[in-house]
Amino acid sequence: MGVWARLTAVAAVAGTGLAVVSGAAGWDTAHRVLAAVALPPLAALVATAWVNARRLLPGALTALVLFGLAALLTGRGLHLVLASLAFAATVWITVAAFRGAAEQGPWRDYVTLTKPRIMSLLLLTGGAGAFVGAGGLPAWGVFAATMAGLALACGGASALNHYLDRDIDRLMGSRTERRPVASGRVPPERALEFGFALSAFSFVLLVSLVNLPTALLALAGNLFYVLVYTRWLKRTTAQNIVIGGAAGAVPPLVGYASASGRLGWAALVMFVVVFVWTPPHFWALALMIKEHYARAGVPMLPVTRGDRETTRQILLYTAVLVVVTLVPVALGIFGLAYGAAAAILGAVFAWYALELRRTMERAAAVRLFHYSLLYLALLFIAMALDPIV
């Protein structure tokens, strides 16, 4: 096992150990929090052992089952015994994980695995969600913890995406073939462990320093992106990005819940905006590199339906997007300052979509793709500033 799996094992030892100590000391509230914090690293260890280290799977499963039984059986004596046995099993796994050396790959490649450029936009939408949820400036300590936890969740999901897509990345040309896992610089096993570790630590951070709804939303977005979009939809249907866009729409919900502890109409609006924005944004990219998708056998819309149908769908979704961004103003969810920004930004988006539909040129797709990134960033900044101005 690599350094990331070992770090996860150490976190599991610390979590189960603190849970046992707090239970024995009778710290009821702290004990429940520490038990919740210990669970994600234990689950990540089981997943890692299942894929990369089957020799450790019996011990990992034993620790997880014992910990679960301790949570269910609350009689003090039996509860402490089961939790202590889970702690002992976790210590054994950790010792076993540290035996032998493991090839890691260059450290800078682990930053690449988190897809920092994509993450920056996700963090911006999540941060805007926090401002909207707070109705102004959020509490800075909670905001910082939320951004850190969301960054870990996004980075973990991206690393797992690298692991699952390593076969098609090798076929899609220079844009992806030099990625760390596809090129062989980072062993697939280490990327998997890295993804599990970041995802587990994200949940631990959010549940302990923010709140449970925020942690659950971040985890749900992570799982949807990895299991539903990457593992299933991407390779099976031309509507992959339409449905899969829900994963990228989760960060605003995470930010909103971190500030308010719940979800509201404004959070739903932010989710729908990103959801509807994703198809025209991603299909513009697909038009730019459709040969790459065809070579890898990925059924993106330009490959399965052609350029003309793709540009028609882009224009249709753009029209829906403009309407979706303006309706909240009419309903009083956002104010006129945001409405003016949404109208201007949407008009430019529609212009680029019309240009692409009219010319069918790659250069027009490039312009639409790059503008779509700026559009979403500026629109969510307008949302964040709306309750302030």
Protein backbone atom coordinates (compact mmCIF):
# COMPACT_ATOMS: atom_id res chain seq x y z
CA MET A 1 0.00 0.00 0.00
CA GLY A 2 1.14 3.53 -0.75
CA VAL A 3 1.53 6.61 1.39
CA TRP A 4 -2.09 7.72 0.90
CA ALA A 5 -3.49 4.40 2.07
CA ARG A 6 -1.10 4.49 5.01
CA LEU A 7 -2.23 8.01 5.87
CA THR A 8 -5.84 6.84 5.72
CA ALA A 9 -4.98 3.93 8.02
CA VAL A 10 -3.35 6.28 10.52
CA ALA A 11 -6.47 8.46 10.45
CA ALA A 12 -8.62 5.39 11.06
CA VAL A 13 -6.46 4.40 14.05
CA ALA A 14 -6.67 7.92 15.48
CA GLY A 15 -10.43 8.07 14.92
CA THR A 16 -11.26 4.69 16.43
CA GLY A 17 -8.85 5.26 19.29
CA LEU A 18 -10.37 8.62 20.19
CA ALA A 19 -13.85 7.13 19.88
CA VAL A 20 -12.92 4.42 22.41
CA VAL A 21 -11.36 6.92 24.82
CA SER A 22 -14.27 9.36 24.61
CA GLY A 23 -16.76 6.52 25.10
CA ALA A 24 -14.93 5.21 28.13
CA ALA A 25 -14.78 8.72 29.59
CA GLY A 26 -18.50 9.28 29.09
CA TRP A 27 -18.15 12.27 26.73
CA ASP A 28 -21.48 11.65 25.01
CA THR A 29 -21.56 14.46 22.44
CA ALA A 30 -17.84 14.34 21.69
CA HIS A 31 -18.03 10.55 21.48
CA ARG A 32 -20.74 10.65 18.80
CA VAL A 33 -18.78 13.20 16.76
CA LEU A 34 -15.54 11.22 17.02
CA ALA A 35 -17.30 8.00 16.06
CA ALA A 36 -18.72 9.71 12.96
CA VAL A 37 -15.25 11.04 12.13
CA ALA A 38 -13.71 7.56 12.39
CA LEU A 39 -16.13 5.93 9.94
CA PRO A 40 -14.98 7.48 6.59
CA PRO A 41 -11.30 6.42 6.93
CA LEU A 42 -12.44 2.90 7.89
CA ALA A 43 -14.70 2.73 4.82
CA ALA A 44 -11.91 4.07 2.62
CA LEU A 45 -9.57 1.39 3.98
CA VAL A 46 -12.05 -1.35 3.07
CA ALA A 47 -12.43 0.05 -0.46
CA THR A 48 -8.66 0.34 -0.89
CA ALA A 49 -8.04 -3.18 0.39
CA TRP A 50 -10.75 -4.58 -1.89
CA VAL A 51 -9.03 -3.16 -4.99
CA ASN A 52 -5.33 -2.97 -4.12
CA ALA A 53 -4.50 -5.20 -1.15
CA ARG A 54 -6.75 -8.22 -0.74
CA ARG A 55 -4.50 -9.59 2.00
CA LEU A 56 -5.70 -6.74 4.23
CA LEU A 57 -9.38 -7.04 3.29
CA PRO A 58 -10.37 -9.48 6.10
CA GLY A 59 -8.86 -7.20 8.72
CA ALA A 60 -10.38 -4.07 7.21
CA LEU A 61 -13.83 -5.63 7.00
CA THR A 62 -13.50 -6.95 10.55
CA ALA A 63 -12.66 -3.48 11.86
CA LEU A 64 -15.56 -1.88 9.99
CA VAL A 65 -18.08 -4.53 11.08
CA LEU A 66 -16.97 -4.37 14.71
CA PHE A 67 -17.19 -0.58 14.65
CA GLY A 68 -20.68 -0.77 13.14
CA LEU A 69 -21.81 -3.30 15.75
CA ALA A 70 -20.46 -1.04 18.48
CA ALA A 71 -22.65 1.76 17.12
CA LEU A 72 -25.72 -0.49 17.08
CA LEU A 73 -25.22 -2.22 20.44
CA THR A 74 -25.25 0.60 22.96
CA GLY A 75 -25.01 -1.41 26.19
CA ARG A 76 -21.98 0.19 27.80
CA GLY A 77 -19.88 -2.91 28.40
CA LEU A 78 -20.48 -4.60 25.05
CA HIS A 79 -20.23 -1.25 23.23
CA LEU A 80 -16.76 -0.57 24.61
CA VAL A 81 -15.56 -4.11 23.98
CA LEU A 82 -16.61 -4.05 20.33
CA ALA A 83 -15.14 -0.56 19.80
CA SER A 84 -11.87 -1.65 21.41
CA LEU A 85 -11.71 -4.71 19.14
CA ALA A 86 -12.33 -2.47 16.13
CA PHE A 87 -9.47 -0.26 17.30
CA ALA A 88 -7.17 -3.29 17.66
CA ALA A 89 -8.07 -4.52 14.16
CA THR A 90 -7.37 -1.06 12.73
CA VAL A 91 -3.97 -0.96 14.43
CA TRP A 92 -3.14 -4.34 12.87
CA ILE A 93 -4.13 -3.12 9.40
CA THR A 94 -2.01 0.01 9.83
CA VAL A 95 1.06 -1.99 10.86
CA ALA A 96 0.56 -4.30 7.86
CA ALA A 97 0.12 -1.32 5.52
CA PHE A 98 3.51 0.06 6.51
CA ARG A 99 5.35 -3.14 5.57
CA GLY A 100 7.44 -2.85 2.41
CA ALA A 101 8.09 0.02 0.03
CA ALA A 102 5.62 1.35 -2.49
CA GLU A 103 6.16 3.20 -5.76
CA GLN A 104 4.50 6.60 -5.57
CA GLY A 105 5.30 8.70 -8.61
CA PRO A 106 6.28 12.42 -8.63
CA TRP A 107 4.53 14.50 -5.98
CA ARG A 108 3.65 17.26 -8.45
CA ASP A 109 1.55 14.72 -10.35
CA TYR A 110 -0.70 14.30 -7.33
CA VAL A 111 -1.61 17.99 -7.64
CA THR A 112 -2.45 17.31 -11.30
CA LEU A 113 -4.71 14.44 -10.24
CA THR A 114 -6.95 16.92 -8.40
CA LYS A 115 -7.60 18.90 -11.67
CA PRO A 116 -6.89 22.32 -10.10
CA ARG A 117 -8.37 24.37 -12.97
CA ILE A 118 -11.70 22.58 -12.80
CA MET A 119 -11.61 22.70 -9.00
CA SER A 120 -11.18 26.48 -9.00
CA LEU A 121 -14.53 26.97 -10.76
CA LEU A 122 -16.24 24.45 -8.47
CA LEU A 123 -14.88 26.26 -5.42
CA LEU A 124 -16.09 29.59 -6.81
CA THR A 125 -19.65 28.26 -7.19
CA GLY A 126 -19.45 26.66 -3.75
CA GLY A 127 -18.18 29.89 -2.22
CA ALA A 128 -20.99 31.84 -3.87
CA GLY A 129 -23.44 29.34 -2.38
CA ALA A 130 -22.06 30.12 1.07
CA PHE A 131 -22.61 33.88 0.58
CA VAL A 132 -26.16 33.32 -0.66
CA GLY A 133 -26.92 30.88 2.17
CA ALA A 134 -25.64 33.36 4.74
CA GLY A 135 -27.56 36.25 3.18
CA GLY A 136 -24.30 38.20 3.12
CA LEU A 137 -20.87 37.51 4.53
CA PRO A 138 -20.57 33.96 5.95
CA ALA A 139 -18.68 33.20 9.14
CA TRP A 140 -15.08 33.11 7.94
CA GLY A 141 -13.99 30.13 10.03
CA VAL A 142 -16.83 27.97 8.73
CA PHE A 143 -16.31 29.34 5.21
CA ALA A 144 -12.62 28.38 5.24
CA ALA A 145 -13.41 24.89 6.54
CA THR A 146 -16.10 24.49 3.87
CA MET A 147 -13.77 25.52 1.05
CA ALA A 148 -11.06 23.18 2.33
CA GLY A 149 -13.49 20.27 2.64
CA LEU A 150 -15.00 20.96 -0.77
CA ALA A 151 -11.53 21.14 -2.32
CA LEU A 152 -10.70 17.74 -0.83
CA ALA A 153 -13.97 16.27 -2.14
CA CYS A 154 -13.42 17.68 -5.64
CA GLY A 155 -9.78 16.57 -5.65
CA GLY A 156 -10.68 13.09 -4.47
CA ALA A 157 -13.36 12.70 -7.15
CA SER A 158 -10.95 13.94 -9.82
CA ALA A 159 -8.25 11.49 -8.74
CA LEU A 160 -10.74 8.62 -8.94
CA ASN A 161 -11.75 9.90 -12.38
CA HIS A 162 -8.10 9.67 -13.48
CA TYR A 163 -8.01 6.08 -12.21
CA LEU A 164 -11.22 4.99 -13.94
CA ASP A 165 -10.52 6.81 -17.23
CA ARG A 166 -6.89 5.76 -17.61
CA ASP A 167 -7.72 3.46 -20.53
CA ILE A 168 -9.58 6.02 -22.64
CA ASP A 169 -7.20 8.84 -21.65
CA ARG A 170 -4.45 6.99 -23.53
CA LEU A 171 -6.57 7.10 -26.69
CA MET A 172 -7.71 10.72 -26.67
CA GLY A 173 -4.58 12.47 -27.86
CA SER A 174 -2.24 14.98 -26.27
CA ARG A 175 -4.91 16.55 -24.02
CA THR A 176 -5.18 13.40 -21.89
CA GLU A 177 -2.50 10.88 -22.83
CA ARG A 178 0.11 12.64 -20.67
CA ARG A 179 -2.06 12.61 -17.59
CA PRO A 180 -0.26 11.07 -14.59
CA VAL A 181 -2.05 7.71 -14.51
CA ALA A 182 -2.57 7.30 -18.26
CA SER A 183 1.15 7.95 -18.90
CA GLY A 184 2.28 5.59 -16.14
CA ARG A 185 4.01 8.24 -14.01
CA VAL A 186 1.62 7.50 -11.12
CA PRO A 187 0.68 3.84 -10.54
CA PRO A 188 -3.11 3.34 -10.77
CA GLU A 189 -3.19 1.87 -7.27
CA ARG A 190 -1.68 5.03 -5.79
CA ALA A 191 -4.16 7.26 -7.62
CA LEU A 192 -7.01 5.15 -6.26
CA GLU A 193 -5.68 5.37 -2.72
CA PHE A 194 -5.15 9.12 -3.12
CA GLY A 195 -8.76 9.58 -4.26
CA PHE A 196 -10.14 7.53 -1.39
CA ALA A 197 -7.98 9.38 1.13
CA LEU A 198 -9.02 12.87 -0.02
CA SER A 199 -12.69 11.86 -0.13
CA ALA A 200 -12.56 10.41 3.40
CA PHE A 201 -10.71 13.41 4.83
CA SER A 202 -13.21 15.73 3.16
CA PHE A 203 -16.09 14.10 5.02
CA VAL A 204 -14.15 14.14 8.30
CA LEU A 205 -13.36 17.85 7.97
CA LEU A 206 -16.87 18.90 6.96
CA VAL A 207 -18.75 16.82 9.52
CA SER A 208 -16.49 17.90 12.38
CA LEU A 209 -16.02 21.62 11.57
CA VAL A 210 -19.10 22.53 9.50
CA ASN A 211 -22.23 20.35 9.72
CA LEU A 212 -23.60 16.98 8.67
CA PRO A 213 -25.76 18.17 5.71
CA THR A 214 -22.72 19.82 4.14
CA ALA A 215 -20.63 16.67 4.55
CA LEU A 216 -23.37 14.46 3.10
CA LEU A 217 -23.90 16.75 0.09
CA ALA A 218 -20.18 16.81 -0.71
CA LEU A 219 -20.03 13.02 -0.43
CA ALA A 220 -23.13 12.64 -2.64
CA GLY A 221 -21.60 14.86 -5.34
CA ASN A 222 -18.37 12.87 -5.16
CA LEU A 223 -20.12 9.51 -5.51
CA PHE A 224 -22.39 10.73 -8.33
CA TYR A 225 -19.46 12.02 -10.36
CA VAL A 226 -17.37 8.91 -9.88
CA LEU A 227 -19.94 6.10 -9.99
CA VAL A 228 -22.82 7.49 -12.04
CA TYR A 229 -21.08 9.80 -14.54
CA THR A 230 -17.52 8.47 -14.92
CA ARG A 231 -18.15 4.78 -14.40
CA TRP A 232 -21.51 4.48 -16.17
CA LEU A 233 -23.00 7.38 -18.16
CA LYS A 234 -19.85 8.63 -19.87
CA ARG A 235 -19.32 5.39 -21.76
CA THR A 236 -22.91 4.39 -22.43
CA THR A 237 -25.06 7.31 -23.58
CA ALA A 238 -24.85 10.53 -25.58
CA GLN A 239 -26.85 12.15 -22.76
CA ASN A 240 -23.95 11.49 -20.38
CA ILE A 241 -23.16 15.11 -19.69
CA VAL A 242 -26.84 16.12 -19.41
CA ILE A 243 -27.45 13.75 -16.49
CA GLY A 244 -23.87 13.84 -15.23
CA GLY A 245 -24.04 17.62 -14.95
CA ALA A 246 -25.79 17.12 -11.62
CA ALA A 247 -22.40 16.30 -10.07
CA GLY A 248 -20.92 19.67 -11.02
CA ALA A 249 -24.05 21.41 -9.71
CA VAL A 250 -23.56 20.13 -6.14
CA PRO A 251 -20.88 22.60 -4.87
CA PRO A 252 -23.34 25.52 -4.57
CA LEU A 253 -25.55 23.27 -2.43
CA VAL A 254 -22.54 22.45 -0.26
CA GLY A 255 -21.73 26.12 0.22
CA TYR A 256 -25.34 27.08 0.92
CA ALA A 257 -25.80 24.29 3.49
CA SER A 258 -22.55 25.22 5.24
CA ALA A 259 -23.88 28.71 5.95
CA SER A 260 -27.53 27.93 6.66
CA GLY A 261 -27.56 24.28 7.75
CA ARG A 262 -30.28 23.51 5.22
CA LEU A 263 -31.26 24.06 1.59
CA GLY A 264 -33.60 26.73 0.24
CA TRP A 265 -35.04 28.00 -3.04
CA ALA A 266 -31.93 30.00 -3.85
CA ALA A 267 -29.82 26.85 -3.47
CA LEU A 268 -32.11 25.02 -5.88
CA VAL A 269 -31.78 27.87 -8.39
CA MET A 270 -27.98 27.71 -8.22
CA PHE A 271 -28.10 23.95 -8.73
CA VAL A 272 -30.37 24.24 -11.78
CA VAL A 273 -28.24 27.00 -13.32
CA VAL A 274 -25.10 24.86 -13.27
CA PHE A 275 -27.08 21.81 -14.38
CA VAL A 276 -28.45 23.61 -17.47
CA TRP A 277 -25.14 25.40 -18.16
CA THR A 278 -23.15 22.15 -18.31
CA PRO A 279 -24.42 20.72 -21.65
CA PRO A 280 -23.67 23.77 -23.86
CA HIS A 281 -20.35 24.26 -22.11
CA PHE A 282 -19.26 20.65 -22.48
CA TRP A 283 -20.67 20.11 -25.96
CA ALA A 284 -18.65 23.09 -27.18
CA LEU A 285 -15.55 21.28 -25.92
CA ALA A 286 -16.77 18.03 -27.49
CA LEU A 287 -17.07 19.78 -30.87
CA MET A 288 -13.45 20.91 -30.52
CA ILE A 289 -12.12 17.40 -29.88
CA LYS A 290 -14.80 15.11 -31.29
CA GLU A 291 -12.17 13.01 -33.11
CA HIS A 292 -10.59 12.20 -29.76
CA TYR A 293 -13.88 11.04 -28.29
CA ALA A 294 -14.58 8.96 -31.40
CA ARG A 295 -11.17 7.30 -31.17
CA ALA A 296 -11.77 6.38 -27.53
CA GLY A 297 -15.30 5.14 -28.19
CA VAL A 298 -16.95 7.72 -25.91
CA PRO A 299 -20.48 8.46 -27.20
CA MET A 300 -20.44 12.25 -26.94
CA LEU A 301 -23.23 14.02 -28.85
CA PRO A 302 -21.06 15.24 -31.79
CA VAL A 303 -19.88 11.64 -32.31
CA THR A 304 -23.32 10.03 -32.21
CA ARG A 305 -25.55 12.76 -33.71
CA GLY A 306 -23.18 15.03 -35.63
CA ASP A 307 -22.22 18.71 -35.47
CA ARG A 308 -25.54 20.12 -36.71
CA GLU A 309 -27.62 18.40 -34.03
CA THR A 310 -25.05 19.31 -31.38
CA THR A 311 -25.17 23.01 -32.26
CA ARG A 312 -28.98 22.85 -32.22
CA GLN A 313 -28.94 21.34 -28.75
CA ILE A 314 -26.41 23.93 -27.58
CA LEU A 315 -28.67 26.74 -28.77
CA LEU A 316 -31.72 25.13 -27.12
CA TYR A 317 -29.98 24.68 -23.75
CA THR A 318 -28.59 28.21 -23.96
CA ALA A 319 -32.11 29.60 -24.36
CA VAL A 320 -33.28 27.57 -21.35
CA LEU A 321 -30.24 28.75 -19.38
CA VAL A 322 -31.02 32.43 -20.01
CA VAL A 323 -34.62 31.90 -18.85
CA VAL A 324 -33.54 29.92 -15.79
CA THR A 325 -31.16 32.69 -14.71
CA LEU A 326 -33.81 35.42 -15.04
CA VAL A 327 -36.85 33.71 -13.47
CA PRO A 328 -35.43 34.00 -9.89
CA VAL A 329 -35.44 37.79 -10.28
CA ALA A 330 -39.16 37.75 -11.10
CA LEU A 331 -39.78 35.50 -8.09
CA GLY A 332 -37.79 37.76 -5.77
CA ILE A 333 -35.14 35.15 -4.98
CA PHE A 334 -32.40 37.41 -6.37
CA GLY A 335 -32.39 41.17 -6.84
CA LEU A 336 -32.17 43.56 -9.79
CA ALA A 337 -28.37 43.91 -9.66
CA TYR A 338 -28.00 40.19 -10.21
CA GLY A 339 -30.76 40.33 -12.85
CA ALA A 340 -28.91 42.96 -14.87
CA ALA A 341 -25.72 40.89 -14.77
CA ALA A 342 -27.60 37.72 -15.75
CA ALA A 343 -29.29 39.48 -18.68
CA ILE A 344 -26.06 40.92 -20.08
CA LEU A 345 -24.05 37.74 -19.58
CA GLY A 346 -26.85 35.63 -21.03
CA ALA A 347 -27.15 37.85 -24.10
CA VAL A 348 -23.46 37.36 -24.86
CA PHE A 349 -23.78 33.60 -24.29
CA ALA A 350 -26.72 33.46 -26.71
CA TRP A 351 -24.74 35.47 -29.29
CA TYR A 352 -21.88 32.96 -29.20
CA ALA A 353 -24.32 30.03 -29.39
CA LEU A 354 -26.04 31.61 -32.42
CA GLU A 355 -22.68 32.22 -34.08
CA LEU A 356 -21.74 28.57 -33.60
CA ARG A 357 -25.09 27.41 -34.97
CA ARG A 358 -24.73 29.68 -38.01
CA THR A 359 -21.08 29.00 -38.89
CA MET A 360 -20.51 25.46 -37.55
CA GLU A 361 -16.83 26.38 -37.24
CA ARG A 362 -14.37 25.04 -34.68
CA ALA A 363 -13.23 28.59 -33.87
CA ALA A 364 -16.79 29.46 -32.85
CA ALA A 365 -16.90 26.40 -30.57
CA VAL A 366 -13.62 27.50 -28.98
CA ARG A 367 -15.01 31.00 -28.32
CA LEU A 368 -18.21 29.60 -26.81
CA PHE A 369 -16.30 27.15 -24.62
CA HIS A 370 -13.96 29.77 -23.16
CA TYR A 371 -16.73 32.31 -22.69
CA SER A 372 -18.90 29.74 -20.90
CA LEU A 373 -16.25 29.47 -18.19
CA LEU A 374 -16.14 33.23 -17.73
CA TYR A 375 -19.94 33.38 -17.85
CA LEU A 376 -20.44 30.96 -14.96
CA ALA A 377 -17.77 32.61 -12.83
CA LEU A 378 -19.20 36.12 -13.29
CA LEU A 379 -22.80 34.95 -12.84
CA PHE A 380 -22.01 33.31 -9.50
CA ILE A 381 -20.02 36.31 -8.35
CA ALA A 382 -23.15 38.35 -9.08
CA MET A 383 -25.18 35.88 -6.99
CA ALA A 384 -22.70 36.15 -4.12
CA LEU A 385 -22.74 39.96 -4.18
CA ASP A 386 -26.54 40.19 -4.56
CA PRO A 387 -27.40 39.92 -0.84
CA ILE A 388 -24.64 42.42 -0.02
CA VAL A 389 -25.52 45.15 -2.51
